Protein backbone atom coordinates (compact mmCIF):
# COMPACT_ATOMS: atom_id res chain seq x y z
CA MET A 1 160.45 -175.85 -159.95
CA PHE A 2 163.37 -173.93 -160.28
CA GLN A 3 166.47 -173.84 -157.88
CA ASN A 4 165.46 -170.74 -156.29
CA ASP A 5 161.94 -171.47 -155.88
CA ILE A 6 162.50 -174.71 -154.09
CA ALA A 7 164.68 -172.27 -151.90
CA ALA A 8 162.25 -170.40 -151.25
CA ALA A 9 159.95 -172.76 -150.41
CA ALA A 10 162.53 -173.93 -148.13
CA LEU A 11 162.60 -170.65 -146.36
CA LEU A 12 158.70 -170.69 -145.36
CA THR A 13 159.23 -173.65 -143.33
CA ASP A 14 160.52 -173.43 -139.39
CA GLU A 15 163.10 -176.04 -140.25
CA PRO A 16 166.39 -175.24 -139.07
CA ARG A 17 168.54 -173.27 -141.21
CA SER A 18 171.10 -176.55 -141.64
CA ASN A 19 167.88 -178.41 -143.84
CA THR A 20 167.32 -175.22 -145.93
CA PRO A 21 169.48 -175.55 -149.57
CA ARG A 22 172.32 -172.60 -150.02
CA LEU A 23 172.32 -170.63 -152.64
CA SER A 24 174.91 -169.65 -154.58
CA ALA A 25 176.21 -165.93 -154.74
CA ALA A 26 174.59 -165.60 -158.16
CA GLU A 27 171.39 -166.85 -156.74
CA ALA A 28 171.54 -165.21 -153.60
CA ALA A 29 172.14 -161.75 -155.77
CA LEU A 30 169.10 -162.62 -157.63
CA ALA A 31 166.72 -163.42 -154.63
CA ARG A 32 167.69 -160.96 -152.16
CA HIS A 33 165.70 -158.09 -151.48
CA SER A 34 164.86 -155.84 -148.55
CA VAL A 35 162.35 -157.74 -146.02
CA ARG A 36 160.78 -155.42 -143.33
CA ALA A 37 158.48 -158.47 -141.86
CA TYR A 38 159.83 -161.08 -139.46
CA ARG A 39 158.74 -164.13 -138.46
CA ASP A 40 159.30 -165.58 -134.60
CA VAL A 41 161.71 -167.77 -135.75
CA PRO A 42 165.25 -167.35 -133.39
CA VAL A 43 168.62 -167.02 -135.45
CA THR A 44 171.27 -169.13 -133.27
CA ASP A 45 174.40 -167.66 -131.98
CA ASP A 46 176.18 -170.22 -134.26
CA GLU A 47 174.25 -168.92 -137.07
CA VAL A 48 175.31 -165.22 -136.79
CA ARG A 49 178.80 -166.39 -136.17
CA THR A 50 178.72 -167.84 -139.54
CA LEU A 51 177.80 -164.97 -141.01
CA LEU A 52 179.83 -162.79 -139.66
CA GLU A 53 182.75 -165.14 -140.13
CA LEU A 54 182.17 -165.42 -143.83
CA THR A 55 181.40 -161.62 -143.89
CA GLY A 56 184.89 -160.81 -142.39
CA ARG A 57 186.33 -162.57 -145.79
CA ALA A 58 185.69 -159.13 -147.64
CA PRO A 59 188.54 -157.07 -148.85
CA SER A 60 189.78 -154.06 -147.10
CA ALA A 61 192.61 -151.88 -147.89
CA PHE A 62 195.78 -152.70 -146.42
CA ASN A 63 193.71 -155.61 -144.83
CA LEU A 64 192.66 -152.89 -142.09
CA GLN A 65 189.31 -154.40 -141.34
CA PRO A 66 187.96 -151.52 -139.68
CA TRP A 67 184.65 -153.11 -139.31
CA ARG A 68 182.82 -153.93 -136.13
CA PHE A 69 179.31 -155.51 -135.21
CA ILE A 70 177.00 -155.62 -132.06
CA VAL A 71 174.66 -158.47 -132.41
CA VAL A 72 171.51 -157.48 -130.72
CA ARG A 73 169.01 -159.65 -129.62
CA ASP A 74 167.48 -158.09 -126.14
CA GLN A 75 163.71 -156.56 -127.19
CA ALA A 76 164.08 -153.71 -124.69
CA VAL A 77 167.38 -152.69 -126.68
CA LYS A 78 165.81 -153.43 -129.97
CA ASP A 79 163.00 -151.51 -128.91
CA ARG A 80 165.32 -148.38 -128.28
CA LEU A 81 166.77 -148.66 -131.58
CA ARG A 82 163.33 -149.02 -132.98
CA THR A 83 162.59 -145.17 -131.47
CA ALA A 84 166.12 -144.16 -132.65
CA ALA A 85 165.61 -145.40 -136.09
CA TYR A 86 162.27 -143.60 -136.67
CA ASN A 87 160.02 -146.18 -135.74
CA GLN A 88 160.86 -148.69 -138.33
CA LYS A 89 159.35 -151.89 -137.35
CA GLN A 90 161.57 -154.48 -138.61
CA VAL A 91 164.10 -152.89 -136.01
CA GLY A 92 161.66 -153.91 -133.48
CA GLU A 93 160.18 -157.12 -135.37
CA ALA A 94 163.70 -158.88 -136.58
CA PRO A 95 165.13 -161.84 -134.05
CA VAL A 96 168.94 -160.10 -134.75
CA VAL A 97 169.58 -156.32 -135.03
CA VAL A 98 173.38 -156.03 -136.37
CA ALA A 99 174.94 -152.73 -135.73
CA MET A 100 177.78 -152.42 -137.69
CA TYR A 101 180.14 -149.55 -137.40
CA ALA A 102 183.80 -148.32 -138.53
CA ASP A 103 186.48 -147.90 -135.76
CA MET A 104 189.32 -146.51 -137.48
CA GLU A 105 190.24 -145.51 -134.21
CA ASP A 106 190.75 -148.52 -132.82
CA THR A 107 192.46 -150.20 -136.00
CA MET A 108 195.08 -147.85 -135.44
CA VAL A 109 195.48 -149.05 -131.83
CA HIS A 110 196.12 -152.61 -133.07
CA LEU A 111 197.50 -152.19 -136.50
CA ASP A 112 199.74 -155.27 -135.06
CA GLU A 113 196.86 -157.43 -135.68
CA VAL A 114 196.46 -156.59 -139.49
CA VAL A 115 199.65 -157.20 -140.39
CA HIS A 116 200.03 -160.74 -142.21
CA PRO A 117 201.87 -163.32 -139.72
CA ASP A 118 203.94 -164.76 -142.47
CA LEU A 119 206.16 -161.38 -142.92
CA THR A 120 209.27 -161.14 -141.30
CA PRO A 121 209.84 -159.24 -137.97
CA ASP A 122 211.40 -156.47 -139.83
CA LYS A 123 208.80 -156.30 -142.39
CA LYS A 124 205.86 -156.50 -139.90
CA ALA A 125 207.76 -153.81 -138.10
CA GLY A 126 208.31 -151.70 -141.37
CA THR A 127 204.49 -152.34 -142.49
CA VAL A 128 203.16 -150.82 -138.95
CA ALA A 129 205.34 -147.94 -139.74
CA MET A 130 204.08 -147.28 -142.89
CA LEU A 131 200.28 -147.74 -142.18
CA GLN A 132 200.77 -145.16 -138.91
CA ASN A 133 202.71 -143.09 -141.56
CA THR A 134 199.80 -143.31 -143.83
CA PHE A 135 196.75 -142.48 -141.77
CA GLY A 136 198.58 -140.79 -138.88
CA GLY A 137 198.73 -137.77 -140.82
CA MET A 138 194.88 -137.66 -141.17
CA THR A 139 192.26 -136.15 -138.78
CA PRO A 140 190.00 -138.91 -137.22
CA GLU A 141 186.77 -137.59 -139.00
CA ALA A 142 189.17 -138.12 -142.13
CA ARG A 143 190.15 -141.74 -140.90
CA ALA A 144 186.38 -142.32 -139.95
CA THR A 145 185.22 -141.12 -143.75
CA TRP A 146 187.61 -143.88 -145.18
CA ALA A 147 186.91 -146.80 -142.63
CA ASN A 148 183.50 -146.53 -143.62
CA ALA A 149 184.03 -146.68 -147.20
CA GLN A 150 185.53 -150.03 -146.39
CA ALA A 151 183.44 -151.25 -144.13
CA ASN A 152 180.29 -150.69 -146.96
CA ILE A 153 182.14 -153.17 -148.99
CA ALA A 154 181.89 -155.81 -145.97
CA LEU A 155 177.93 -155.05 -145.19
CA GLY A 156 177.69 -156.03 -149.09
CA TYR A 157 179.44 -159.34 -148.22
CA LEU A 158 176.84 -159.40 -145.06
CA LEU A 159 174.12 -158.71 -146.94
CA LEU A 160 174.68 -161.39 -149.89
CA ILE A 161 175.98 -164.18 -147.59
CA ALA A 162 173.00 -163.82 -145.39
CA LYS A 163 170.32 -164.88 -148.21
CA SER A 164 172.93 -167.67 -149.25
CA GLU A 165 172.74 -169.13 -145.57
CA GLY A 166 168.98 -168.75 -146.22
CA PHE A 167 168.34 -165.55 -144.45
CA ASP A 168 166.56 -162.30 -145.04
CA THR A 169 168.35 -158.88 -144.40
CA SER A 170 167.13 -154.95 -144.20
CA PRO A 171 169.74 -152.93 -144.20
CA MET A 172 168.95 -149.03 -142.40
CA LEU A 173 170.56 -145.73 -142.75
CA GLY A 174 167.49 -143.92 -141.19
CA PHE A 175 168.54 -143.73 -137.64
CA GLN A 176 169.50 -140.60 -135.10
CA ALA A 177 173.06 -142.09 -135.07
CA ASP A 178 174.16 -140.29 -131.53
CA GLU A 179 171.15 -142.07 -130.07
CA VAL A 180 172.16 -145.51 -131.23
CA LYS A 181 175.74 -144.77 -130.62
CA ARG A 182 174.34 -144.00 -127.08
CA ILE A 183 171.90 -147.04 -126.79
CA LEU A 184 174.72 -149.61 -127.65
CA ASP A 185 177.82 -147.93 -126.09
CA ILE A 186 179.50 -147.19 -129.20
CA PRO A 187 182.67 -144.91 -129.32
CA ALA A 188 181.87 -141.38 -130.43
CA HIS A 189 184.73 -141.24 -132.88
CA ALA A 190 183.27 -144.16 -135.13
CA THR A 191 180.82 -144.15 -137.74
CA ILE A 192 177.79 -146.37 -138.00
CA THR A 193 177.72 -147.84 -140.91
CA SER A 194 174.40 -149.59 -140.75
CA LEU A 195 171.75 -150.96 -138.71
CA VAL A 196 170.65 -154.66 -140.35
CA ALA A 197 167.19 -156.23 -139.23
CA LEU A 198 168.34 -159.96 -139.93
CA GLY A 199 165.57 -162.91 -139.59
CA ARG A 200 163.31 -165.25 -142.02
CA GLY A 201 160.88 -163.41 -143.45
CA ALA A 202 157.11 -163.28 -143.38
CA ASP A 203 156.24 -162.31 -146.71
CA ASP A 204 157.96 -161.79 -149.69
CA GLY A 205 158.45 -157.78 -149.76
CA PHE A 206 158.72 -156.03 -153.12
CA ARG A 207 160.22 -157.37 -156.16
CA SER A 208 163.39 -156.48 -157.03
CA HIS A 209 163.50 -153.33 -159.54
CA ARG A 210 166.91 -152.44 -161.02
CA HIS A 211 168.74 -150.30 -163.81
CA THR A 212 170.09 -152.72 -166.71
CA VAL A 213 173.65 -153.12 -167.47
CA ASP A 214 173.56 -150.79 -170.36
CA ARG A 215 171.85 -148.03 -168.21
CA VAL A 216 174.85 -148.08 -165.57
CA ALA A 217 178.00 -148.91 -167.34
CA THR A 218 180.21 -148.15 -170.46
CA PHE A 219 182.52 -150.48 -171.94
CA VAL A 220 185.54 -148.74 -173.55
């Protein structure tokens, strides 16, 4: 067997994730695809925390990290989200659904949290003032759009890291955003980046079909 085949075979067992071989970033990128059917195998809080901690290593302009997460396990809440997501079955079947959203207004209130701790007090104050000046003149809608672009970087991290750690995912944009916000008590000004079903796949789904490098890239 190739290493990817060994990893895939391990994922078909009910063994704890700690016994599942990790994939490298390259291996995870090649192996990952959206999965819409999930086995009834729990995902622990520790496992989710590890995924989100690693996801939080994603880069963001000015280190603002405007992404936020709501981890949904409760079946009744997942069923309500499934209805809001046009009855996509993975929302109700996956052991965990992660609602990822961008909240630039919360970020603006807590700019001191993103300033590097090694800066001198004067430089910290100057950095906060610069950020307030840069984003304070934008409308909330413009800030939300900017923050969501940053959150999409973290979304890519989450999907790749989840696969590398032995999990399958299905990111979704098909949902009624206002209803999802109401169900999960997400602020009205926030932008929902994605709903992500997370667990261990019950089938292989479709094989990946992607453009070649020559189709999408120009070298100059």
